[in-house]
Each structure stands twice: as structure tokens, then as C-alpha cells.
Amino acid sequence: MDTSILILTILFFLFMFCFLLFAREAYQFKKRSVKHMQTLLEKKMEITEKLEELKNYHFELTKKEEDFKKMGKQIIDNAKYWENLKKSSQEQIVRHSKN
């Protein structure tokens, strides 16, 4: 009977030891998971900030593109105006020379 109690006691302590090891591993896994989630959240925040910067940069580039288009149109309009002015001044010179 003493040996059976001894074996049961050893088995009980072995079971408790295994249970404590399992509990420790579960706790460590949870700790690693929390750290991993925090790291992922930090990376998500960094990516969100970079995305916001890119959106602002894209907005600025779009605005500059529109400004360049307006300036190009204005340059073309000015060139046409000067060409028409040149033609009209040449026509006036021809009229004055005929008179």
C-alpha cells in the first residue's frame, strides 16, 4: 500500500509539474501575442501616418499640376494675343504706307 501511495504521490506531483509548465507556456504565449499585437498596431499607425503624408503630397502635386496647366494656357493665350497684335500692327503699317 505504501508503494501505491508513493506512486500516486509521484504521479500527482508530475502532473502538477506538467500543469505548471503548460500554464507558464500559455502565459508566455499570451505575453508574446500582446507584444506582437502592440508591434502591429505601431506599424499600422506608422503606415497610416505615411499614407496621410502621401495623400497630402498627392494633393499638393495635383494642385501644382493644375497651376502649371493654367500657366501653360495663359502662355498660349498671350502668344496668340501677341501674334494677333503683331499682325494688326503690320496691317496698320501697310495701310499707312499706302496712304
Protein backbone atom coordinates (compact mmCIF):
# COMPACT_ATOMS: atom_id res chain seq x y z
CA MET A 1 0.00 0.00 0.00
CA ASP A 2 2.84 2.36 0.75
CA THR A 3 4.26 1.93 -2.72
CA SER A 4 0.93 2.66 -4.35
CA ILE A 5 0.57 5.87 -2.32
CA LEU A 6 4.14 6.77 -3.22
CA ILE A 7 3.47 6.14 -6.93
CA LEU A 8 0.24 8.15 -6.76
CA THR A 9 2.05 10.99 -4.98
CA ILE A 10 4.81 10.97 -7.60
CA LEU A 11 2.23 10.93 -10.40
CA PHE A 12 0.32 13.78 -8.73
CA PHE A 13 3.46 15.91 -8.44
CA LEU A 14 4.46 15.02 -12.00
CA PHE A 15 1.00 16.06 -13.18
CA MET A 16 1.26 19.33 -11.20
CA PHE A 17 4.71 19.97 -12.66
CA CYS A 18 3.40 19.40 -16.21
CA PHE A 19 0.38 21.58 -15.50
CA LEU A 20 2.59 24.41 -14.21
CA LEU A 21 4.84 24.09 -17.28
CA PHE A 22 1.79 24.27 -19.53
CA ALA A 23 0.43 27.28 -17.63
CA ARG A 24 3.81 29.04 -17.90
CA GLU A 25 3.97 28.38 -21.65
CA ALA A 26 0.40 29.64 -22.08
CA TYR A 27 1.27 32.81 -20.15
CA GLN A 28 4.45 33.35 -22.21
CA PHE A 29 2.48 32.81 -25.44
CA LYS A 30 -0.10 35.36 -24.33
CA LYS A 31 2.66 37.83 -23.46
CA ARG A 32 4.30 37.33 -26.88
CA SER A 33 0.92 37.74 -28.57
CA VAL A 34 0.27 41.02 -26.76
CA LYS A 35 3.73 42.31 -27.72
CA HIS A 36 3.15 41.21 -31.31
CA MET A 37 -0.22 42.99 -31.39
CA GLN A 38 1.36 46.16 -29.98
CA THR A 39 4.07 45.98 -32.64
CA LEU A 40 1.44 45.52 -35.34
CA LEU A 41 -0.55 48.48 -34.01
CA GLU A 42 2.58 50.65 -34.00
CA LYS A 43 3.35 49.64 -37.58
CA LYS A 44 -0.26 50.32 -38.55
CA MET A 45 -0.02 53.81 -37.04
CA GLU A 46 3.25 54.47 -38.90
CA ILE A 47 1.72 53.30 -42.17
CA THR A 48 -1.37 55.45 -41.53
CA GLU A 49 0.84 58.49 -40.94
CA LYS A 50 2.83 57.80 -44.10
CA LEU A 51 -0.39 57.33 -46.05
CA GLU A 52 -1.65 60.68 -44.78
CA GLU A 53 1.64 62.30 -45.83
CA LEU A 54 1.32 60.71 -49.28
CA LYS A 55 -2.26 61.97 -49.60
CA ASN A 56 -1.13 65.49 -48.72
CA TYR A 57 1.78 65.23 -51.17
CA HIS A 58 -0.56 63.97 -53.90
CA PHE A 59 -2.93 66.85 -53.22
CA GLU A 60 -0.06 69.35 -53.49
CA LEU A 61 1.16 67.75 -56.72
CA THR A 62 -2.33 67.82 -58.20
CA LYS A 63 -2.67 71.47 -57.27
CA LYS A 64 0.71 72.29 -58.83
CA GLU A 65 -0.25 70.34 -61.97
CA GLU A 66 -3.42 72.41 -62.28
CA ASP A 67 -1.40 75.60 -61.77
CA PHE A 68 1.04 74.55 -64.50
CA LYS A 69 -1.86 73.80 -66.86
CA LYS A 70 -3.32 77.25 -66.16
CA MET A 71 0.06 78.87 -66.70
CA GLY A 72 0.53 76.94 -69.97
CA LYS A 73 -2.90 78.04 -71.18
CA GLN A 74 -2.12 81.62 -70.20
CA ILE A 75 1.21 81.47 -72.09
CA ILE A 76 -0.57 80.14 -75.18
CA ASP A 77 -3.24 82.86 -74.90
CA ASN A 78 -0.52 85.51 -74.51
CA ALA A 79 1.33 84.15 -77.54
CA LYS A 80 -1.88 84.28 -79.61
CA TYR A 81 -2.54 87.82 -78.38
CA TRP A 82 0.97 88.95 -79.32
CA GLU A 83 0.69 87.22 -82.70
CA ASN A 84 -2.62 89.00 -83.38
CA LEU A 85 -1.11 92.27 -82.17
CA LYS A 86 1.87 91.75 -84.49
CA LYS A 87 -0.41 91.05 -87.46
CA SER A 88 -2.61 94.05 -86.75
CA SER A 89 0.41 96.34 -86.37
CA GLN A 90 1.83 95.06 -89.67
CA GLU A 91 -1.55 95.68 -91.34
CA GLN A 92 -1.60 99.22 -89.96
CA ILE A 93 1.93 99.81 -91.25
CA VAL A 94 0.86 98.59 -94.70
CA ARG A 95 -2.22 100.87 -94.63
CA HIS A 96 -0.18 103.88 -93.58
CA SER A 97 2.42 103.19 -96.23
CA LYS A 98 -0.32 103.01 -98.92
CA ASN A 99 -1.72 106.35 -97.80
